[in-house]
Protein backbone atom coordinates (compact mmCIF):
# COMPACT_ATOMS: atom_id res chain seq x y z
CA MET A 1 -127.94 33.58 28.22
CA VAL A 2 -124.30 32.78 27.36
CA SER A 3 -123.57 29.02 28.31
CA PRO A 4 -121.90 25.99 26.51
CA LEU A 5 -125.24 24.14 27.42
CA LEU A 6 -127.41 26.51 25.48
CA ARG A 7 -126.66 28.72 22.43
CA GLU A 8 -129.00 30.99 20.44
CA GLY A 9 -129.51 31.47 16.94
CA ARG A 10 -131.11 34.62 15.17
CA GLY A 11 -132.40 34.14 11.59
CA VAL A 12 -130.68 30.63 11.19
CA VAL A 13 -131.84 28.34 8.30
CA ALA A 14 -132.64 24.80 8.74
CA LEU A 15 -131.95 22.81 5.59
CA PRO A 16 -133.51 19.25 6.38
CA ASP A 17 -132.25 17.79 3.05
CA TRP A 18 -128.76 18.63 3.03
CA PRO A 19 -126.65 15.62 3.50
CA ILE A 20 -123.77 15.88 5.79
CA THR A 21 -121.10 13.30 7.00
CA VAL A 22 -119.85 14.32 10.57
CA GLN A 23 -116.99 12.27 12.20
CA GLY A 24 -117.42 9.69 9.76
CA ARG A 25 -121.32 9.21 10.16
CA TYR A 26 -123.74 10.13 7.42
CA THR A 27 -126.93 12.25 8.31
CA ASP A 28 -129.29 14.75 6.99
CA GLY A 29 -129.80 18.33 8.14
CA VAL A 30 -127.80 21.22 8.77
CA LEU A 31 -128.54 24.80 10.34
CA TRP A 32 -127.06 27.40 8.49
CA ASP A 33 -126.18 30.92 10.25
CA PRO A 34 -126.21 33.71 7.62
CA GLY A 35 -124.73 36.10 10.30
CA ALA A 36 -121.61 34.02 10.81
CA VAL A 37 -121.81 32.72 6.95
CA GLY A 38 -121.29 29.17 8.13
CA PRO A 39 -123.00 26.10 9.65
CA VAL A 40 -124.00 26.11 13.28
CA ILE A 41 -121.37 24.02 14.57
CA GLU A 42 -123.05 23.25 17.71
CA ALA A 43 -126.04 21.87 16.20
CA LEU A 44 -124.06 19.31 14.32
CA HIS A 45 -124.84 15.65 15.25
CA ALA A 46 -121.76 14.75 16.71
CA VAL A 47 -120.56 10.96 16.98
CA SER A 48 -117.83 11.19 19.64
CA ARG A 49 -116.06 14.29 20.46
CA PRO A 50 -117.34 18.00 20.31
CA PRO A 51 -117.44 18.75 16.32
CA SER A 52 -115.91 21.25 14.27
CA LEU A 53 -116.12 22.19 10.77
CA GLN A 54 -113.05 19.96 9.96
CA ASP A 55 -114.88 16.97 11.17
CA THR A 56 -117.35 17.30 8.46
CA ASP A 57 -117.60 17.18 4.50
CA LEU A 58 -119.32 20.46 4.20
CA ASP A 59 -118.48 23.06 1.54
CA PRO A 60 -119.48 26.41 3.42
CA GLY A 61 -119.49 28.02 -0.04
CA GLY A 62 -121.75 25.54 -1.70
CA LEU A 63 -124.01 25.56 1.36
CA SER A 64 -124.14 29.58 1.40
CA SER A 65 -125.22 29.51 -2.26
CA ALA A 66 -127.87 26.74 -1.45
CA ALA A 67 -129.42 28.53 1.59
CA PRO A 68 -132.67 30.39 0.52
CA LEU A 69 -131.66 33.46 2.36
CA GLY A 70 -133.66 35.80 0.23
CA ASP A 71 -136.33 33.86 -0.88
CA PRO A 72 -139.75 35.29 0.19
CA GLY A 73 -141.37 31.94 -0.15
CA THR A 74 -139.17 30.21 2.56
CA ARG A 75 -141.05 29.03 5.62
CA SER A 76 -140.56 31.35 8.60
CA ILE A 77 -141.09 30.68 12.26
CA ASP A 78 -141.64 33.59 14.34
CA GLY A 79 -141.00 33.98 18.13
CA THR A 80 -138.77 31.27 20.16
CA SER A 81 -138.34 27.90 19.00
CA ILE A 82 -136.01 25.19 20.68
CA PHE A 83 -133.65 22.85 18.57
CA GLY A 84 -134.25 19.07 19.49
CA GLY A 85 -131.33 17.73 17.47
CA ASN A 86 -131.42 14.76 14.94
CA LEU A 87 -133.60 11.60 15.15
CA ILE A 88 -132.72 8.24 13.55
CA LYS A 89 -135.57 5.83 12.52
CA HIS A 90 -134.11 2.71 14.19
CA PHE A 91 -135.03 1.70 17.75
CA GLY A 92 -131.68 1.23 19.09
CA HIS A 93 -129.99 4.48 17.40
CA PHE A 94 -132.70 6.59 18.54
CA LEU A 95 -132.42 5.76 22.28
CA HIS A 96 -128.79 5.85 22.14
CA GLU A 97 -127.83 8.75 20.43
CA CYS A 98 -130.83 10.85 19.49
CA LEU A 99 -132.05 12.15 23.08
CA GLY A 100 -128.89 14.14 24.17
CA ARG A 101 -130.45 17.55 23.46
CA LEU A 102 -133.50 16.83 25.58
CA TRP A 103 -131.42 16.84 29.00
CA TRP A 104 -133.29 19.98 30.02
CA LEU A 105 -136.53 17.78 30.19
CA GLY A 106 -135.19 16.13 33.15
CA ASP A 107 -135.54 16.79 37.16
CA PRO A 108 -134.35 20.27 37.84
CA GLY A 109 -133.11 19.16 41.25
CA GLY A 110 -130.97 16.41 39.91
CA LEU A 111 -129.24 18.26 37.28
CA PRO A 112 -125.80 19.59 37.43
CA GLU A 113 -125.46 23.31 38.76
CA ALA A 114 -124.24 24.57 35.52
CA ALA A 115 -127.25 23.14 33.93
CA ARG A 116 -130.06 24.33 36.14
CA GLU A 117 -130.52 27.86 34.66
CA PRO A 118 -130.30 26.84 30.95
CA ALA A 119 -132.86 24.02 31.61
CA GLY A 120 -135.23 26.62 33.38
CA GLU A 121 -135.11 28.67 30.43
CA LEU A 122 -135.95 26.06 27.96
CA ARG A 123 -138.69 24.58 30.21
CA ALA A 124 -140.16 28.24 30.71
CA ARG A 125 -140.29 28.76 26.73
CA LEU A 126 -141.90 25.35 26.24
CA GLN A 127 -144.56 25.71 29.22
CA LYS A 128 -145.16 29.59 29.10
CA ASP A 129 -144.34 30.72 25.56
CA ASP A 130 -145.73 27.61 23.67
CA ALA A 131 -142.46 26.86 22.13
CA CYS A 132 -142.20 23.94 20.04
CA VAL A 133 -139.16 21.72 19.78
CA TYR A 134 -137.98 21.17 15.96
CA PHE A 135 -135.96 17.99 14.96
CA PHE A 136 -134.30 16.95 11.91
CA VAL A 137 -135.06 13.25 10.87
CA SER A 138 -132.35 11.25 9.21
CA ARG A 139 -133.29 9.25 6.43
CA TRP A 140 -130.11 6.93 6.53
CA LEU A 141 -132.17 3.89 7.40
CA GLU A 142 -135.86 4.81 6.26
CA PRO A 143 -136.75 7.27 3.69
CA THR A 144 -139.78 8.57 5.54
CA ARG A 145 -139.73 11.46 8.21
CA GLU A 146 -142.96 10.42 10.05
CA LEU A 147 -142.28 9.74 13.72
CA ALA A 148 -142.55 6.02 14.63
CA PRO A 149 -145.12 5.26 17.56
CA TYR A 150 -142.33 4.29 19.67
CA MET A 151 -140.55 7.59 19.14
CA GLU A 152 -143.61 9.64 19.99
CA GLU A 153 -144.09 7.35 23.19
CA VAL A 154 -140.53 7.84 24.29
CA LEU A 155 -140.51 11.78 23.87
CA GLU A 156 -143.98 12.09 25.41
CA GLY A 157 -142.80 9.90 28.55
CA LEU A 158 -139.71 12.38 28.98
CA GLY A 159 -142.02 15.30 29.22
CA LEU A 160 -142.28 16.42 25.66
CA PRO A 161 -145.90 16.83 24.47
CA ARG A 162 -146.92 15.45 20.94
CA GLN A 163 -148.50 18.64 20.14
CA ARG A 164 -144.85 20.48 20.46
CA ILE A 165 -142.83 18.06 18.53
CA ARG A 166 -142.08 19.37 15.06
CA ILE A 167 -140.25 17.81 12.21
CA VAL A 168 -138.40 20.25 9.85
CA GLY A 169 -139.43 19.08 6.39
CA GLU A 170 -138.47 21.97 4.08
CA PRO A 171 -135.91 24.83 4.47
CA THR A 172 -137.17 27.12 7.47
CA ARG A 173 -135.92 30.17 9.01
CA PHE A 174 -136.41 30.73 12.47
CA GLU A 175 -136.49 34.21 14.19
CA ARG A 176 -134.88 32.70 17.25
CA LEU A 177 -133.89 29.28 17.83
CA MET A 178 -132.59 28.04 21.31
CA ILE A 179 -129.78 25.09 20.69
CA PRO A 180 -129.14 22.99 23.74
CA GLY A 181 -125.86 21.33 24.00
CA GLN A 182 -125.42 17.54 22.82
CA GLY A 183 -125.43 15.59 26.24
CA TRP A 184 -124.68 12.19 24.50
CA GLY A 185 -123.87 10.48 21.41
CA PHE A 186 -123.04 7.10 19.71
CA ASP A 187 -119.44 6.70 20.76
CA PHE A 188 -119.29 9.46 23.37
CA ASP A 189 -116.15 10.87 24.68
CA GLU A 190 -117.42 11.68 28.20
CA ARG A 191 -114.22 13.53 29.25
CA ALA A 192 -114.18 15.86 26.11
CA TRP A 193 -117.71 16.68 26.54
CA ASP A 194 -117.49 17.25 30.12
CA ALA A 195 -115.07 19.82 29.61
CA HIS A 196 -116.83 21.10 26.54
CA LEU A 197 -120.18 21.55 28.29
CA GLY A 198 -118.69 22.21 31.76
CA CYS A 199 -120.65 19.71 33.70
CA SER A 200 -121.05 15.70 33.99
CA CYS A 201 -123.06 14.66 30.54
CA ARG A 202 -123.59 11.26 32.55
CA ARG A 203 -125.59 13.01 35.21
CA LEU A 204 -127.51 15.13 32.69
CA MET A 205 -128.42 12.04 30.88
CA ARG A 206 -129.41 10.06 33.97
CA CYS A 207 -131.62 12.98 35.09
CA LEU A 208 -133.54 13.20 32.11
CA LEU A 209 -133.89 8.97 31.52
CA GLY A 210 -134.76 8.80 35.03
CA GLY A 211 -137.61 11.09 34.98
CA TRP A 212 -139.57 8.84 32.78
CA ARG A 213 -143.24 9.35 33.41
CA MET A 214 -144.51 5.73 33.98
CA ALA A 215 -147.91 5.33 32.38
CA SER A 216 -148.06 1.54 32.22
CA ALA A 217 -151.11 0.17 33.45
CA PRO A 218 -150.98 -2.17 36.50
CA PRO A 219 -151.35 -5.70 36.12
CA ALA A 220 -154.87 -7.21 35.97
CA PRO A 221 -156.04 -8.61 39.35
CA GLY A 222 -154.58 -12.01 40.14
CA GLN A 223 -151.90 -11.58 37.21
CA ALA A 224 -148.27 -11.33 39.03
CA THR A 225 -145.62 -9.43 37.21
CA PRO A 226 -142.89 -11.84 36.58
CA THR A 227 -139.51 -11.43 38.62
CA ARG A 228 -137.67 -13.48 36.09
CA LEU A 229 -137.91 -12.49 32.38
CA TYR A 230 -136.22 -13.75 29.20
CA VAL A 231 -136.31 -10.90 26.78
CA SER A 232 -136.10 -12.93 23.36
CA ARG A 233 -135.70 -11.79 19.72
CA SER A 234 -137.17 -15.07 18.27
CA GLY A 235 -140.52 -13.30 17.46
CA LEU A 236 -138.45 -10.73 15.10
CA PRO A 237 -138.79 -11.18 11.37
CA PRO A 238 -136.11 -13.37 9.69
CA ALA A 239 -134.29 -10.09 8.18
CA MET A 240 -133.50 -8.95 11.71
CA GLY A 241 -130.22 -10.59 13.61
CA ARG A 242 -130.86 -13.57 15.40
CA LEU A 243 -129.01 -16.41 16.95
CA ILE A 244 -129.49 -19.65 14.89
CA GLY A 245 -131.58 -21.99 17.12
CA ASP A 246 -132.49 -19.22 19.59
CA VAL A 247 -136.10 -20.94 19.95
CA LEU A 248 -134.24 -23.58 21.68
CA LEU A 249 -133.06 -20.96 24.26
CA ASP A 250 -136.61 -19.89 24.81
CA GLY A 251 -137.44 -23.33 25.69
CA MET A 252 -134.54 -23.88 28.01
CA LEU A 253 -135.28 -20.60 30.02
CA THR A 254 -139.00 -21.12 30.20
CA ALA A 255 -138.13 -24.46 31.78
CA GLU A 256 -135.90 -22.84 34.26
CA GLY A 257 -138.81 -20.55 35.30
CA TYR A 258 -138.49 -17.30 33.36
CA ALA A 259 -141.23 -15.95 31.75
CA LEU A 260 -140.74 -15.41 27.88
CA TYR A 261 -140.87 -11.80 26.74
CA HIS A 262 -141.13 -10.42 23.23
CA PRO A 263 -140.73 -6.62 23.54
CA GLU A 264 -142.06 -5.90 20.29
CA ARG A 265 -145.48 -7.00 21.44
CA HIS A 266 -145.40 -4.49 24.09
CA SER A 267 -145.60 -0.68 24.55
CA ILE A 268 -142.65 1.27 25.69
CA ALA A 269 -144.27 1.85 29.07
CA ASP A 270 -145.04 -1.88 29.58
CA GLN A 271 -141.57 -3.01 28.63
CA ILE A 272 -140.08 -0.33 31.34
CA HIS A 273 -142.49 -1.52 34.03
CA ALA A 274 -141.71 -5.24 33.30
CA TYR A 275 -137.85 -4.59 33.44
CA SER A 276 -138.21 -2.49 36.64
CA GLN A 277 -140.23 -5.06 38.46
CA ALA A 278 -138.05 -8.10 37.57
CA ARG A 279 -135.16 -9.13 39.76
CA ASP A 280 -133.64 -11.44 37.22
CA LEU A 281 -133.42 -10.45 33.51
CA VAL A 282 -131.84 -12.23 30.67
CA PHE A 283 -131.60 -10.41 27.18
CA MET A 284 -130.48 -11.54 23.66
CA ASP A 285 -128.35 -8.63 22.82
CA GLY A 286 -130.13 -5.95 20.93
CA SER A 287 -131.86 -2.70 21.11
CA ALA A 288 -134.38 -3.77 23.66
CA LEU A 289 -131.56 -3.29 26.20
CA TYR A 290 -131.51 0.41 25.99
CA LEU A 291 -135.05 0.69 27.94
CA LEU A 292 -132.86 -0.35 30.82
CA TRP A 293 -131.72 3.23 31.03
CA PHE A 294 -135.41 4.26 31.81
CA CYS A 295 -136.05 1.84 34.49
CA ARG A 296 -136.20 2.18 38.38
CA LEU A 297 -134.27 -1.35 38.79
CA GLN A 298 -134.70 -3.31 41.98
CA PRO A 299 -131.69 -3.51 44.33
CA GLY A 300 -129.70 -6.52 43.38
CA THR A 301 -131.22 -7.13 40.15
CA ARG A 302 -129.26 -9.55 38.00
CA ILE A 303 -129.03 -8.59 34.14
CA SER A 304 -127.38 -11.31 31.69
CA VAL A 305 -126.74 -10.22 28.09
CA ILE A 306 -126.33 -13.32 25.47
CA LEU A 307 -124.26 -11.97 22.67
CA ARG A 308 -125.49 -12.77 19.05
CA ARG A 309 -122.65 -10.77 17.51
CA ARG A 310 -119.00 -9.68 18.57
CA GLN A 311 -120.25 -5.98 18.44
CA GLY A 312 -122.37 -6.82 21.21
CA HIS A 313 -119.45 -6.29 23.58
CA TRP A 314 -118.99 -2.60 22.56
CA MET A 315 -122.84 -2.26 22.86
CA CYS A 316 -122.87 -3.61 26.48
CA ASP A 317 -119.93 -1.28 27.51
CA GLN A 318 -122.16 1.57 26.10
CA LEU A 319 -125.12 0.50 27.76
CA GLN A 320 -123.30 0.15 31.29
CA ARG A 321 -122.38 3.75 31.18
CA LEU A 322 -125.99 5.17 31.60
CA LEU A 323 -127.60 2.10 33.67
CA PRO A 324 -129.48 3.70 36.59
CA VAL A 325 -127.58 3.65 39.87
CA THR A 326 -128.71 0.51 41.52
CA GLU A 327 -127.49 -1.06 44.75
CA GLY A 328 -125.94 -4.51 44.25
CA LEU A 329 -126.70 -4.42 40.45
CA GLN A 330 -125.15 -7.38 38.70
CA TRP A 331 -124.13 -7.58 35.07
CA HIS A 332 -123.04 -10.62 33.09
CA VAL A 333 -122.29 -10.82 29.55
CA LEU A 334 -122.51 -14.59 27.95
CA ASP A 335 -120.37 -15.18 24.96
CA ALA A 336 -120.47 -18.38 23.04
CA LEU A 337 -120.26 -17.31 19.49
CA LEU A 338 -118.78 -19.80 17.08
CA ALA A 339 -119.38 -17.84 13.54
CA GLU A 340 -120.81 -14.74 12.09
CA GLY A 341 -121.81 -13.14 9.04
CA LEU A 342 -123.45 -16.53 8.21
CA THR A 343 -126.48 -15.02 6.22
CA SER A 344 -125.20 -11.23 5.95
CA GLY A 345 -122.06 -9.15 6.20
CA ASN A 346 -124.11 -6.71 8.35
CA ASP A 347 -123.89 -7.67 12.14
CA TRP A 348 -127.17 -6.25 12.95
CA GLU A 349 -128.94 -8.47 10.38
CA SER A 350 -126.96 -11.56 10.06
CA HIS A 351 -128.12 -15.00 11.65
CA ASN A 352 -125.00 -16.15 13.72
CA LEU A 353 -123.99 -19.43 15.29
CA ALA A 354 -123.41 -20.00 18.92
CA ASP A 355 -122.78 -23.05 21.17
CA ILE A 356 -126.29 -23.26 22.90
CA SER A 357 -125.18 -25.75 25.42
CA ALA A 358 -122.22 -23.70 26.58
CA LEU A 359 -124.80 -20.83 26.90
CA ALA A 360 -126.57 -22.82 29.37
CA ARG A 361 -123.68 -23.66 31.17
CA GLY A 362 -122.41 -20.26 31.27
CA ARG A 363 -125.46 -18.96 32.50
CA ALA A 364 -125.74 -21.38 35.29
CA SER A 365 -122.05 -20.20 36.27
CA ALA A 366 -123.27 -16.71 36.18
CA THR A 367 -126.30 -17.24 38.34
CA ALA A 368 -124.84 -19.88 40.74
CA GLU A 369 -124.28 -18.80 44.39
CA ARG A 370 -120.74 -19.78 44.37
CA ALA A 371 -117.31 -18.56 43.23
CA ASP A 372 -116.44 -21.35 40.67
CA PRO A 373 -115.17 -19.77 37.41
CA ALA A 374 -117.01 -20.04 34.21
CA PRO A 375 -115.81 -22.40 31.56
CA ALA A 376 -112.87 -21.14 29.77
CA HIS A 377 -114.61 -20.93 26.19
CA ILE A 378 -117.59 -19.08 27.53
CA PRO A 379 -116.55 -15.79 29.17
CA VAL A 380 -118.57 -14.24 31.73
CA MET A 381 -117.55 -10.71 32.37
CA GLN A 382 -119.04 -8.48 35.11
């Protein structure tokens, strides 16, 4: 079929080790189309807008000479296969920007009209023809290609069986490769992508994420699910980004009646279940927030995010775009940062300084049932 949401490649060659920069972001893996004598532009891992060759540092001539087109030893996959995109072995980046080509796994009834026929064809290939879904794995942050357990759990929860997941680890020629359009990205220009794909990308992704297959076991008898949670980073290794003195916040919030929650100690399904049952959630800003996209939040749920870095403002803006539609949802960002980059120039691993007492006051102003403004030095943004 001809659709901007689904393209087809015949005889394309996957080159997993080919380094490429697309829209300023380094990644690994290119699909080469010998018929067009060029890369498959639709398969590039875009950062913001629909990509073009000019957005890359590719040399088509050099790529053409490197593609093993006539090598009889090149691995070949017969029949129909599906391209799943690029995976990044980092929890936040994986959830934020690596699921955008899996929109077709969402509830068919909730998909935009333009996406239903392409999704139906892809589902049929997966279910009836035993088609496998092939991914590149970027070694940008970690040198291995094996899927992390959380990646497997997320993909399976979205409806992609583990036995159908394949990682491209060597040059591979595909007889027929179906290439879904990229429905989301890191700094996603929704307007440009909606026009490019002919439908609402936000609706595509909400349909996918909202279809999470809940597999969490119910609480043990007599064990109530907490309705007030503080999702802390205090249990992470020292190399991970933290606020200095964040253990003090642990004590302050548990004294207020919040259950202390270290997400790294729980499965993906258990985290989604816990956040879905809570009515008052406080997060230290970080990758754990992305699992809110998969939740069925309670009406009137209150979410507060404590910033540990200025970049957290941008991250919170991105997060809000795919939050599930929830009646009466309240969203607050608490910024009491005093200094950054104290232990590293990288915001994701630095231990930064915040005014802990101001955070306590800012949280009180965000949660109090009155209209008083927050203190001027600790903004509370809806």
